[in-house]
């Protein structure tokens, strides 16, 4: 995995964490919320 790929994956994880933080901050409401995360799982052989 190249450095560029590692940086791209880290940015994706940061974006997911930021969305979760926003969700948790807004969880004071009793309304159910849907968090839509797209997951792209690649199978790689070392």
C-alpha atoms as a PDB file:
ATOM      1  CA  UNK A   1       0.000   0.000   0.000  1.00  0.00           C
ATOM      2  CA  UNK A   2       1.471   3.326  -1.010  1.00  0.00           C
ATOM      3  CA  UNK A   3       1.625   6.419   1.153  1.00  0.00           C
ATOM      4  CA  UNK A   4      -1.044   8.068  -0.984  1.00  0.00           C
ATOM      5  CA  UNK A   5      -3.411   5.137  -0.404  1.00  0.00           C
ATOM      6  CA  UNK A   6      -2.743   5.228   3.333  1.00  0.00           C
ATOM      7  CA  UNK A   7      -3.547   8.948   3.440  1.00  0.00           C
ATOM      8  CA  UNK A   8      -6.764   8.419   1.458  1.00  0.00           C
ATOM      9  CA  UNK A   9      -7.877   5.630   3.808  1.00  0.00           C
ATOM     10  CA  UNK A  10      -7.067   7.775   6.851  1.00  0.00           C
ATOM     11  CA  UNK A  11      -9.171  10.641   5.446  1.00  0.00           C
ATOM     12  CA  UNK A  12     -12.097   8.249   4.950  1.00  0.00           C
ATOM     13  CA  UNK A  13     -11.829   7.067   8.560  1.00  0.00           C
ATOM     14  CA  UNK A  14     -11.656  10.662   9.797  1.00  0.00           C
ATOM     15  CA  UNK A  15     -14.799  11.537   7.813  1.00  0.00           C
ATOM     16  CA  UNK A  16     -16.631   8.538   9.314  1.00  0.00           C
ATOM     17  CA  UNK A  17     -15.573   9.551  12.825  1.00  0.00           C
ATOM     18  CA  UNK A  18     -16.704  13.144  12.267  1.00  0.00           C
ATOM     19  CA  UNK A  19     -20.128  11.898  11.132  1.00  0.00           C
ATOM     20  CA  UNK A  20     -20.369   9.700  14.222  1.00  0.00           C
ATOM     21  CA  UNK A  21     -19.441  12.613  16.491  1.00  0.00           C
ATOM     22  CA  UNK A  22     -22.152  14.765  14.889  1.00  0.00           C
ATOM     23  CA  UNK A  23     -24.638  11.908  15.344  1.00  0.00           C
ATOM     24  CA  UNK A  24     -23.713  11.465  19.000  1.00  0.00           C
ATOM     25  CA  UNK A  25     -23.922  15.210  19.636  1.00  0.00           C
ATOM     26  CA  UNK A  26     -27.427  15.256  18.190  1.00  0.00           C
ATOM     27  CA  UNK A  27     -28.525  12.113  20.028  1.00  0.00           C
ATOM     28  CA  UNK A  28     -30.304  14.182  22.704  1.00  0.00           C
ATOM     29  CA  UNK A  29     -33.454  13.796  20.633  1.00  0.00           C
ATOM     30  CA  UNK A  30     -35.606  10.712  21.033  1.00  0.00           C
ATOM     31  CA  UNK A  31     -36.107  10.361  17.292  1.00  0.00           C
ATOM     32  CA  UNK A  32     -34.367   7.404  15.663  1.00  0.00           C
ATOM     33  CA  UNK A  33     -31.742   8.442  13.165  1.00  0.00           C
ATOM     34  CA  UNK A  34     -30.158   6.631  10.270  1.00  0.00           C
ATOM     35  CA  UNK A  35     -26.453   6.992   9.680  1.00  0.00           C
ATOM     36  CA  UNK A  36     -25.570   5.974   6.163  1.00  0.00           C
ATOM     37  CA  UNK A  37     -22.003   4.729   5.846  1.00  0.00           C
ATOM     38  CA  UNK A  38     -20.701   3.321   2.648  1.00  0.00           C
ATOM     39  CA  UNK A  39     -18.149   0.613   3.189  1.00  0.00           C
ATOM     40  CA  UNK A  40     -15.819  -0.586   0.503  1.00  0.00           C
ATOM     41  CA  UNK A  41     -14.017  -3.695   1.668  1.00  0.00           C
ATOM     42  CA  UNK A  42     -11.269  -4.828  -0.608  1.00  0.00           C
ATOM     43  CA  UNK A  43      -9.806  -8.293  -0.371  1.00  0.00           C
ATOM     44  CA  UNK A  44      -6.077  -8.167  -0.747  1.00  0.00           C
ATOM     45  CA  UNK A  45      -3.599 -10.978  -0.557  1.00  0.00           C
ATOM     46  CA  UNK A  46      -0.304 -10.154   1.086  1.00  0.00           C
END
